[in-house]
Amino acid sequence: MGQDVAKVKKILRQQIRAAMDELTDQEKAWSDGELVQRFLEHPKLAEAKTVLLYYGVGREVATAGLIQTLLDQGKRVCLPKCLPEFQMEARAVTSLEELEPDAYGIPAPKDGCPAVAREELDLILVPGLCFDSRGSRLGQGAGYYDRYLEDYEGITIGLCREDFFQVNLPREPLDAWVRFVLTEEGQVWPMTQPID
């Protein structure tokens, strides 16, 4: 059963990546702008003091501008740093100058940036190729966030392009989910737990 789900997810990833490659620069820029605005307007973000963002690259929502915006709002901003064994940790940054490309070519905090305990994070912006109506996500496949979010009790938000929003993604037991999914149209739903 698990292998079947993994196969389906692999095929779905390929399909969504291919569809995302069809987006024009203008379509992506409009979508990114709307999604970032929805996130900035979210009441849970207003309440959060310490936030873990991701640095969107390639097909992902461009989130680099959020880093400075939230720093300017006086929030403690963290970004993920990948560790061995597909683990990750949050590192606080005070400017974009404190980032350098990691092994995946993604801007990540330099070694001198202080680590922040997961329990100190009020809100995590979770990346994903797409999300569904239960808050399930389809990630890139390495499982960094699935491991990191296990037992995390803070607020999690996913940004999902409306065109790629799914009704029901295939799920595996350790797959992470988010509490809020935002599309260009607004918030799709809030819920407390996905129902398998």
Protein backbone atom coordinates (compact mmCIF):
# COMPACT_ATOMS: atom_id res chain seq x y z
CA MET A 1 0.00 0.00 0.00
CA GLY A 2 2.75 2.44 1.01
CA GLN A 3 4.66 1.79 -2.21
CA ASP A 4 1.51 2.42 -4.25
CA VAL A 5 0.95 5.80 -2.55
CA ALA A 6 4.60 6.73 -3.09
CA LYS A 7 4.27 5.87 -6.81
CA VAL A 8 1.09 7.92 -7.19
CA LYS A 9 2.73 10.88 -5.45
CA LYS A 10 5.79 10.61 -7.69
CA ILE A 11 3.63 10.69 -10.83
CA LEU A 12 1.58 13.57 -9.43
CA ARG A 13 4.75 15.54 -8.70
CA GLN A 14 5.86 15.10 -12.31
CA GLN A 15 2.47 16.20 -13.61
CA ILE A 16 2.27 19.28 -11.40
CA ARG A 17 5.85 20.32 -12.11
CA ALA A 18 5.17 20.02 -15.84
CA ALA A 19 1.98 22.07 -15.52
CA MET A 20 3.78 24.70 -13.44
CA ASP A 21 6.43 24.97 -16.15
CA GLU A 22 3.63 26.09 -18.48
CA LEU A 23 2.94 29.19 -16.37
CA THR A 24 4.14 32.38 -17.99
CA ASP A 25 6.35 34.76 -16.03
CA GLN A 26 3.40 37.16 -15.82
CA GLU A 27 1.05 34.47 -14.50
CA LYS A 28 3.57 33.37 -11.89
CA ALA A 29 4.29 36.95 -10.81
CA TRP A 30 0.56 37.70 -10.42
CA SER A 31 -0.02 34.46 -8.51
CA ASP A 32 3.00 35.05 -6.25
CA GLY A 33 1.87 38.59 -5.47
CA GLU A 34 -1.67 37.51 -4.57
CA LEU A 35 -0.49 34.61 -2.39
CA VAL A 36 2.06 36.72 -0.52
CA GLN A 37 -0.60 39.39 0.08
CA ARG A 38 -3.03 36.78 1.46
CA PHE A 39 -0.30 35.60 3.82
CA LEU A 40 0.56 39.12 4.98
CA GLU A 41 -3.12 39.79 5.71
CA HIS A 42 -3.62 36.59 7.71
CA PRO A 43 -4.59 37.27 11.34
CA LYS A 44 -2.40 34.43 12.61
CA LEU A 45 0.64 36.13 11.10
CA ALA A 46 -0.26 39.36 12.86
CA GLU A 47 -0.23 37.46 16.18
CA ALA A 48 3.07 35.66 15.52
CA LYS A 49 6.34 36.98 16.93
CA THR A 50 8.70 34.31 15.57
CA VAL A 51 8.12 32.99 12.06
CA LEU A 52 9.83 30.30 9.97
CA LEU A 53 9.67 31.17 6.26
CA TYR A 54 11.06 29.30 3.28
CA TYR A 55 12.98 30.90 0.45
CA GLY A 56 10.95 30.10 -2.67
CA VAL A 57 12.95 29.09 -5.73
CA GLY A 58 12.03 27.82 -9.20
CA ARG A 59 8.34 26.89 -9.39
CA GLU A 60 7.72 27.80 -5.74
CA VAL A 61 6.00 30.98 -4.62
CA ALA A 62 8.60 33.76 -4.48
CA THR A 63 8.88 34.54 -0.77
CA ALA A 64 12.18 36.45 -0.59
CA GLY A 65 10.37 39.77 -0.23
CA LEU A 66 8.57 38.47 2.86
CA ILE A 67 11.83 38.19 4.75
CA GLN A 68 12.51 41.94 4.78
CA THR A 69 8.84 42.82 5.17
CA LEU A 70 8.49 40.76 8.34
CA LEU A 71 11.83 41.97 9.70
CA ASP A 72 10.58 45.53 9.18
CA GLN A 73 7.48 44.60 11.20
CA GLY A 74 9.73 43.65 14.11
CA LYS A 75 9.26 39.91 13.86
CA ARG A 76 11.99 37.37 14.45
CA VAL A 77 12.41 35.74 11.05
CA CYS A 78 13.91 32.28 10.61
CA LEU A 79 14.74 30.19 7.58
CA PRO A 80 15.45 26.47 7.39
CA LYS A 81 18.95 25.04 7.32
CA CYS A 82 19.26 21.47 6.04
CA LEU A 83 21.14 19.00 8.23
CA PRO A 84 22.37 15.44 7.60
CA GLU A 85 19.84 12.57 7.51
CA PHE A 86 17.19 14.82 5.90
CA GLN A 87 16.74 16.80 9.10
CA MET A 88 16.47 20.58 9.31
CA GLU A 89 16.54 23.35 11.87
CA ALA A 90 15.38 26.96 12.04
CA ARG A 91 18.03 29.70 12.02
CA ALA A 92 17.25 33.36 12.74
CA VAL A 93 18.34 35.97 10.20
CA THR A 94 18.38 39.76 10.36
CA SER A 95 18.98 40.47 6.66
CA LEU A 96 19.21 38.82 3.26
CA GLU A 97 22.99 39.23 3.48
CA GLU A 98 23.03 36.41 6.02
CA LEU A 99 21.98 33.88 3.40
CA GLU A 100 24.13 31.72 1.14
CA PRO A 101 23.24 28.87 -1.26
CA ASP A 102 23.01 25.46 0.41
CA ALA A 103 23.69 22.06 -1.20
CA TYR A 104 20.43 22.40 -3.17
CA GLY A 105 21.28 25.90 -4.36
CA ILE A 106 18.60 27.40 -2.10
CA PRO A 107 19.53 30.52 -0.09
CA ALA A 108 19.86 29.40 3.53
CA PRO A 109 21.18 30.93 6.76
CA LYS A 110 24.95 30.99 7.14
CA ASP A 111 26.56 28.93 9.87
CA GLY A 112 26.87 31.95 12.17
CA CYS A 113 23.11 32.50 12.33
CA PRO A 114 21.65 31.37 15.67
CA ALA A 115 19.52 28.24 15.83
CA VAL A 116 15.97 28.70 17.11
CA ALA A 117 14.14 25.89 18.92
CA ARG A 118 11.06 24.59 17.14
CA GLU A 119 8.96 25.35 20.23
CA GLU A 120 9.79 29.05 19.84
CA LEU A 121 8.24 29.23 16.39
CA ASP A 122 4.75 30.72 16.48
CA LEU A 123 4.09 30.14 12.80
CA ILE A 124 5.66 28.13 9.98
CA LEU A 125 5.08 28.90 6.31
CA VAL A 126 5.25 25.42 4.80
CA PRO A 127 6.29 24.92 1.16
CA GLY A 128 4.53 22.48 -1.12
CA LEU A 129 3.91 21.81 -4.79
CA CYS A 130 0.22 21.74 -3.89
CA PHE A 131 -2.21 21.24 -1.01
CA ASP A 132 -5.67 19.74 -0.64
CA SER A 133 -8.91 20.44 1.21
CA ARG A 134 -7.70 18.51 4.28
CA GLY A 135 -4.44 20.43 4.56
CA SER A 136 -2.38 17.59 3.16
CA ARG A 137 0.61 18.70 1.11
CA LEU A 138 2.63 17.31 -1.74
CA GLY A 139 6.23 18.30 -1.13
CA GLN A 140 9.34 17.84 -3.23
CA GLY A 141 9.83 14.33 -1.88
CA ALA A 142 12.81 14.53 0.48
CA GLY A 143 10.69 14.65 3.65
CA TYR A 144 12.50 17.48 5.48
CA TYR A 145 9.28 19.21 6.51
CA ASP A 146 7.43 15.96 7.26
CA ARG A 147 10.07 15.17 9.86
CA TYR A 148 10.33 18.72 11.18
CA LEU A 149 6.58 19.24 11.60
CA GLU A 150 5.94 15.97 13.41
CA ASP A 151 4.25 16.91 16.72
CA TYR A 152 4.61 20.65 16.00
CA GLU A 153 1.67 22.41 17.67
CA GLY A 154 2.03 25.96 16.34
CA ILE A 155 0.35 27.53 13.33
CA THR A 156 1.16 26.14 9.88
CA ILE A 157 0.16 27.82 6.63
CA GLY A 158 0.58 26.66 3.04
CA LEU A 159 0.40 28.80 -0.09
CA CYS A 160 -1.21 27.01 -3.04
CA ARG A 161 -1.83 28.24 -6.55
CA GLU A 162 -5.58 27.89 -7.19
CA ASP A 163 -4.96 25.96 -10.42
CA PHE A 164 -3.11 23.24 -8.51
CA PHE A 165 -5.34 22.98 -5.45
CA GLN A 166 -6.41 19.34 -4.95
CA VAL A 167 -9.54 17.88 -3.39
CA ASN A 168 -7.82 14.83 -1.94
CA LEU A 169 -4.08 14.15 -2.16
CA PRO A 170 -2.70 10.65 -1.54
CA ARG A 171 -1.38 10.53 2.02
CA GLU A 172 1.19 8.47 3.89
CA PRO A 173 1.16 8.22 7.68
CA LEU A 174 4.12 10.55 8.24
CA ASP A 175 3.03 13.22 5.74
CA ALA A 176 2.81 16.67 7.27
CA TRP A 177 -0.34 18.78 6.94
CA VAL A 178 -1.07 22.45 7.48
CA ARG A 179 -3.85 24.22 9.37
CA PHE A 180 -4.53 26.89 6.77
CA VAL A 181 -4.28 26.81 2.99
CA LEU A 182 -4.26 30.13 1.15
CA THR A 183 -4.91 30.50 -2.57
CA GLU A 184 -5.06 33.61 -4.73
CA GLU A 185 -8.81 33.70 -3.99
CA GLY A 186 -8.37 33.66 -0.21
CA GLN A 187 -8.44 31.04 2.53
CA VAL A 188 -9.73 27.68 1.37
CA TRP A 189 -10.56 26.32 4.80
CA PRO A 190 -9.40 26.21 8.39
CA MET A 191 -9.45 22.85 10.13
CA THR A 192 -7.81 21.22 13.10
CA GLN A 193 -6.87 17.82 11.74
CA PRO A 194 -7.01 15.95 8.45
CA ILE A 195 -9.31 12.95 8.34
CA ASP A 196 -7.68 9.87 6.83
